[in-house]
């Protein structure tokens, strides 16, 4: 994958944290730390699509549908 330079503006607190991580040899440099953070965020956003779609559901409607199905099917369930 190719790389391209970009310019970003960050709060000084974030820069301080990045520099601390670089100083502790967690990352080789700021760029690597930022790339890792962006990659992690994008991965989380992709995996949270199910959560986003579920948030669109109407709880009362889903509950009524579930209860309707349970009542209808209960008579067909085997006795234990």
N, C-alpha and C. Protein backbone atom coordinates (compact mmCIF):
# COMPACT_ATOMS: atom_id res chain seq x y z
N UNK A 1 0.85 -1.17 0.00
CA UNK A 1 0.00 0.00 0.00
C UNK A 1 0.90 1.23 0.00
N UNK A 2 0.62 2.16 -0.90
CA UNK A 2 1.40 3.39 -0.97
C UNK A 2 1.07 4.33 0.18
N UNK A 3 1.94 5.25 0.40
CA UNK A 3 1.73 6.23 1.46
C UNK A 3 1.79 7.62 0.88
N UNK A 4 1.07 8.54 1.52
CA UNK A 4 1.07 9.94 1.11
C UNK A 4 1.18 10.80 2.35
N UNK A 5 1.84 11.92 2.22
CA UNK A 5 1.97 12.85 3.34
C UNK A 5 0.72 13.71 3.43
N UNK A 6 0.30 13.95 4.67
CA UNK A 6 -0.80 14.87 4.92
C UNK A 6 -0.41 15.77 6.07
N UNK A 7 -1.08 16.87 6.20
CA UNK A 7 -0.84 17.77 7.33
C UNK A 7 -2.08 17.75 8.20
N UNK A 8 -1.90 17.60 9.51
CA UNK A 8 -3.03 17.61 10.43
C UNK A 8 -2.72 18.57 11.58
N UNK A 9 -3.77 19.01 12.21
CA UNK A 9 -3.64 19.87 13.38
C UNK A 9 -4.22 19.13 14.57
N UNK A 10 -3.45 19.04 15.65
CA UNK A 10 -3.88 18.35 16.86
C UNK A 10 -3.73 19.26 18.06
N UNK A 11 -4.53 18.99 19.08
CA UNK A 11 -4.37 19.69 20.35
C UNK A 11 -3.00 19.37 20.93
N UNK A 12 -2.45 20.32 21.65
CA UNK A 12 -1.13 20.11 22.25
C UNK A 12 -1.11 18.93 23.19
N UNK A 13 -2.23 18.66 23.87
CA UNK A 13 -2.28 17.50 24.78
C UNK A 13 -2.08 16.20 24.01
N UNK A 14 -2.70 16.10 22.83
CA UNK A 14 -2.54 14.89 22.03
C UNK A 14 -1.10 14.76 21.55
N UNK A 15 -0.51 15.86 21.15
CA UNK A 15 0.88 15.83 20.69
C UNK A 15 1.80 15.38 21.82
N UNK A 16 1.51 15.88 23.02
CA UNK A 16 2.30 15.46 24.18
C UNK A 16 2.19 13.97 24.43
N UNK A 17 0.99 13.43 24.29
CA UNK A 17 0.80 11.99 24.47
C UNK A 17 1.53 11.19 23.38
N UNK A 18 1.44 11.69 22.16
CA UNK A 18 2.17 11.02 21.07
C UNK A 18 3.67 11.02 21.34
N UNK A 19 4.18 12.16 21.75
CA UNK A 19 5.61 12.26 22.04
C UNK A 19 6.01 11.35 23.19
N UNK A 20 5.13 11.22 24.18
CA UNK A 20 5.42 10.32 25.30
C UNK A 20 5.52 8.88 24.80
N UNK A 21 4.58 8.48 23.95
CA UNK A 21 4.60 7.12 23.41
C UNK A 21 5.83 6.87 22.55
N UNK A 22 6.22 7.85 21.78
CA UNK A 22 7.45 7.73 20.99
C UNK A 22 8.66 7.64 21.91
N UNK A 23 8.66 8.47 22.94
CA UNK A 23 9.77 8.45 23.91
C UNK A 23 9.88 7.13 24.64
N UNK A 24 8.75 6.47 24.88
CA UNK A 24 8.75 5.17 25.55
C UNK A 24 8.94 4.02 24.57
N UNK A 25 9.21 4.35 23.32
CA UNK A 25 9.46 3.37 22.26
C UNK A 25 8.26 2.46 21.98
N UNK A 26 7.06 2.98 22.24
CA UNK A 26 5.84 2.27 21.85
C UNK A 26 5.69 2.39 20.34
N UNK A 27 6.02 3.57 19.81
CA UNK A 27 6.00 3.84 18.38
C UNK A 27 7.35 4.43 17.98
N UNK A 28 7.72 4.23 16.72
CA UNK A 28 8.99 4.78 16.24
C UNK A 28 8.91 6.29 16.07
N UNK A 29 7.71 6.77 15.69
CA UNK A 29 7.55 8.21 15.45
C UNK A 29 6.07 8.59 15.52
N UNK A 30 5.79 9.87 15.44
CA UNK A 30 4.40 10.35 15.50
C UNK A 30 3.56 9.78 14.36
N UNK A 31 4.14 9.75 13.19
CA UNK A 31 3.39 9.25 12.03
C UNK A 31 2.89 7.83 12.24
N UNK A 32 3.75 6.99 12.78
CA UNK A 32 3.37 5.59 13.01
C UNK A 32 2.25 5.53 14.05
N UNK A 33 2.33 6.34 15.08
CA UNK A 33 1.30 6.36 16.12
C UNK A 33 -0.04 6.82 15.54
N UNK A 34 0.00 7.87 14.74
CA UNK A 34 -1.23 8.39 14.15
C UNK A 34 -1.81 7.39 13.15
N UNK A 35 -0.96 6.78 12.35
CA UNK A 35 -1.44 5.77 11.39
C UNK A 35 -2.10 4.62 12.12
N UNK A 36 -1.52 4.17 13.21
CA UNK A 36 -2.10 3.08 13.99
C UNK A 36 -3.46 3.49 14.56
N UNK A 37 -3.55 4.71 15.07
CA UNK A 37 -4.81 5.19 15.64
C UNK A 37 -5.90 5.29 14.57
N UNK A 38 -5.56 5.81 13.41
CA UNK A 38 -6.54 5.94 12.32
C UNK A 38 -6.98 4.55 11.85
N UNK A 39 -6.04 3.64 11.71
CA UNK A 39 -6.35 2.28 11.29
C UNK A 39 -7.30 1.61 12.28
N UNK A 40 -7.00 1.76 13.57
CA UNK A 40 -7.85 1.16 14.61
C UNK A 40 -9.26 1.76 14.57
N UNK A 41 -9.36 3.06 14.42
CA UNK A 41 -10.66 3.71 14.37
C UNK A 41 -11.47 3.25 13.16
N UNK A 42 -10.84 3.17 12.00
CA UNK A 42 -11.55 2.72 10.80
C UNK A 42 -12.03 1.28 10.94
N UNK A 43 -11.22 0.44 11.54
CA UNK A 43 -11.60 -0.96 11.77
C UNK A 43 -12.81 -1.03 12.69
N UNK A 44 -12.79 -0.24 13.75
CA UNK A 44 -13.92 -0.23 14.69
C UNK A 44 -15.19 0.28 14.01
N UNK A 45 -15.05 1.27 13.18
CA UNK A 45 -16.22 1.82 12.49
C UNK A 45 -16.82 0.77 11.55
N UNK A 46 -15.98 0.03 10.87
CA UNK A 46 -16.48 -1.01 9.97
C UNK A 46 -17.17 -2.12 10.74
N UNK A 47 -16.61 -2.50 11.89
CA UNK A 47 -17.18 -3.60 12.66
C UNK A 47 -18.40 -3.17 13.46
N UNK A 48 -18.61 -1.88 13.61
CA UNK A 48 -19.75 -1.43 14.38
C UNK A 48 -20.98 -1.18 13.50
N UNK A 49 -20.90 -1.57 12.24
CA UNK A 49 -22.04 -1.35 11.33
C UNK A 49 -23.29 -2.05 11.85
N UNK A 50 -23.12 -3.24 12.42
CA UNK A 50 -24.26 -3.96 12.98
C UNK A 50 -24.91 -3.14 14.08
N UNK A 51 -24.11 -2.55 14.94
CA UNK A 51 -24.64 -1.71 16.02
C UNK A 51 -25.42 -0.53 15.46
N UNK A 52 -24.89 0.06 14.42
CA UNK A 52 -25.55 1.22 13.79
C UNK A 52 -26.89 0.80 13.20
N UNK A 53 -26.91 -0.33 12.52
CA UNK A 53 -28.16 -0.80 11.92
C UNK A 53 -29.17 -1.19 12.99
N UNK A 54 -28.69 -1.81 14.07
CA UNK A 54 -29.60 -2.19 15.15
C UNK A 54 -30.20 -0.97 15.84
N UNK A 55 -29.45 0.11 15.89
CA UNK A 55 -29.94 1.34 16.51
C UNK A 55 -31.12 1.92 15.73
N UNK A 56 -31.25 1.56 14.48
CA UNK A 56 -32.35 2.04 13.66
C UNK A 56 -33.66 1.31 13.95
N UNK A 57 -33.56 0.18 14.62
CA UNK A 57 -34.75 -0.61 14.91
C UNK A 57 -35.61 0.08 15.96
N UNK A 58 -36.90 -0.14 15.89
CA UNK A 58 -37.82 0.40 16.87
C UNK A 58 -38.08 -0.69 17.92
N UNK A 59 -37.61 -0.51 19.15
CA UNK A 59 -37.72 -1.55 20.17
C UNK A 59 -39.14 -2.05 20.41
N UNK A 60 -40.10 -1.16 20.46
CA UNK A 60 -41.48 -1.58 20.72
C UNK A 60 -42.02 -2.45 19.59
N UNK A 61 -41.72 -2.06 18.35
CA UNK A 61 -42.17 -2.83 17.20
C UNK A 61 -41.51 -4.21 17.20
N UNK A 62 -40.20 -4.26 17.46
CA UNK A 62 -39.48 -5.53 17.47
C UNK A 62 -40.00 -6.43 18.58
N UNK A 63 -40.30 -5.84 19.72
CA UNK A 63 -40.83 -6.62 20.85
C UNK A 63 -42.19 -7.21 20.49
N UNK A 64 -43.05 -6.38 19.89
CA UNK A 64 -44.38 -6.88 19.53
C UNK A 64 -44.29 -7.99 18.49
N UNK A 65 -43.37 -7.85 17.55
CA UNK A 65 -43.18 -8.89 16.54
C UNK A 65 -42.70 -10.19 17.19
N UNK A 66 -41.77 -10.07 18.12
CA UNK A 66 -41.24 -11.26 18.80
C UNK A 66 -42.31 -11.94 19.63
N UNK A 67 -43.08 -11.13 20.35
CA UNK A 67 -44.14 -11.70 21.19
C UNK A 67 -45.23 -12.34 20.35
N UNK A 68 -45.53 -11.74 19.21
CA UNK A 68 -46.54 -12.31 18.31
C UNK A 68 -46.08 -13.67 17.82
N UNK A 69 -44.84 -13.77 17.43
CA UNK A 69 -44.30 -15.03 16.96
C UNK A 69 -44.27 -16.08 18.05
N UNK A 70 -43.96 -15.69 19.28
CA UNK A 70 -43.91 -16.64 20.39
C UNK A 70 -45.29 -17.19 20.70
N UNK A 71 -46.29 -16.32 20.75
CA UNK A 71 -47.65 -16.75 21.07
C UNK A 71 -48.17 -17.69 19.99
N UNK A 72 -47.87 -17.37 18.75
CA UNK A 72 -48.35 -18.18 17.63
C UNK A 72 -47.69 -19.55 17.63
N UNK A 73 -46.42 -19.61 17.91
CA UNK A 73 -45.67 -20.86 17.85
C UNK A 73 -45.77 -21.69 19.12
N UNK A 74 -46.17 -21.09 20.24
CA UNK A 74 -46.18 -21.80 21.52
C UNK A 74 -47.05 -23.04 21.48
N UNK A 75 -48.14 -23.00 20.76
CA UNK A 75 -49.04 -24.15 20.70
C UNK A 75 -48.40 -25.33 19.97
N UNK A 76 -47.42 -25.05 19.15
CA UNK A 76 -46.78 -26.10 18.37
C UNK A 76 -45.54 -26.67 19.04
N UNK A 77 -45.15 -26.10 20.16
CA UNK A 77 -43.95 -26.58 20.85
C UNK A 77 -44.24 -27.91 21.52
N UNK A 78 -43.28 -28.81 21.53
CA UNK A 78 -43.49 -30.10 22.22
C UNK A 78 -43.51 -29.92 23.73
N UNK A 79 -44.25 -30.78 24.40
CA UNK A 79 -44.32 -30.74 25.87
C UNK A 79 -43.09 -31.47 26.41
N UNK A 80 -42.49 -30.91 27.47
CA UNK A 80 -41.31 -31.53 28.09
C UNK A 80 -41.65 -32.06 29.44
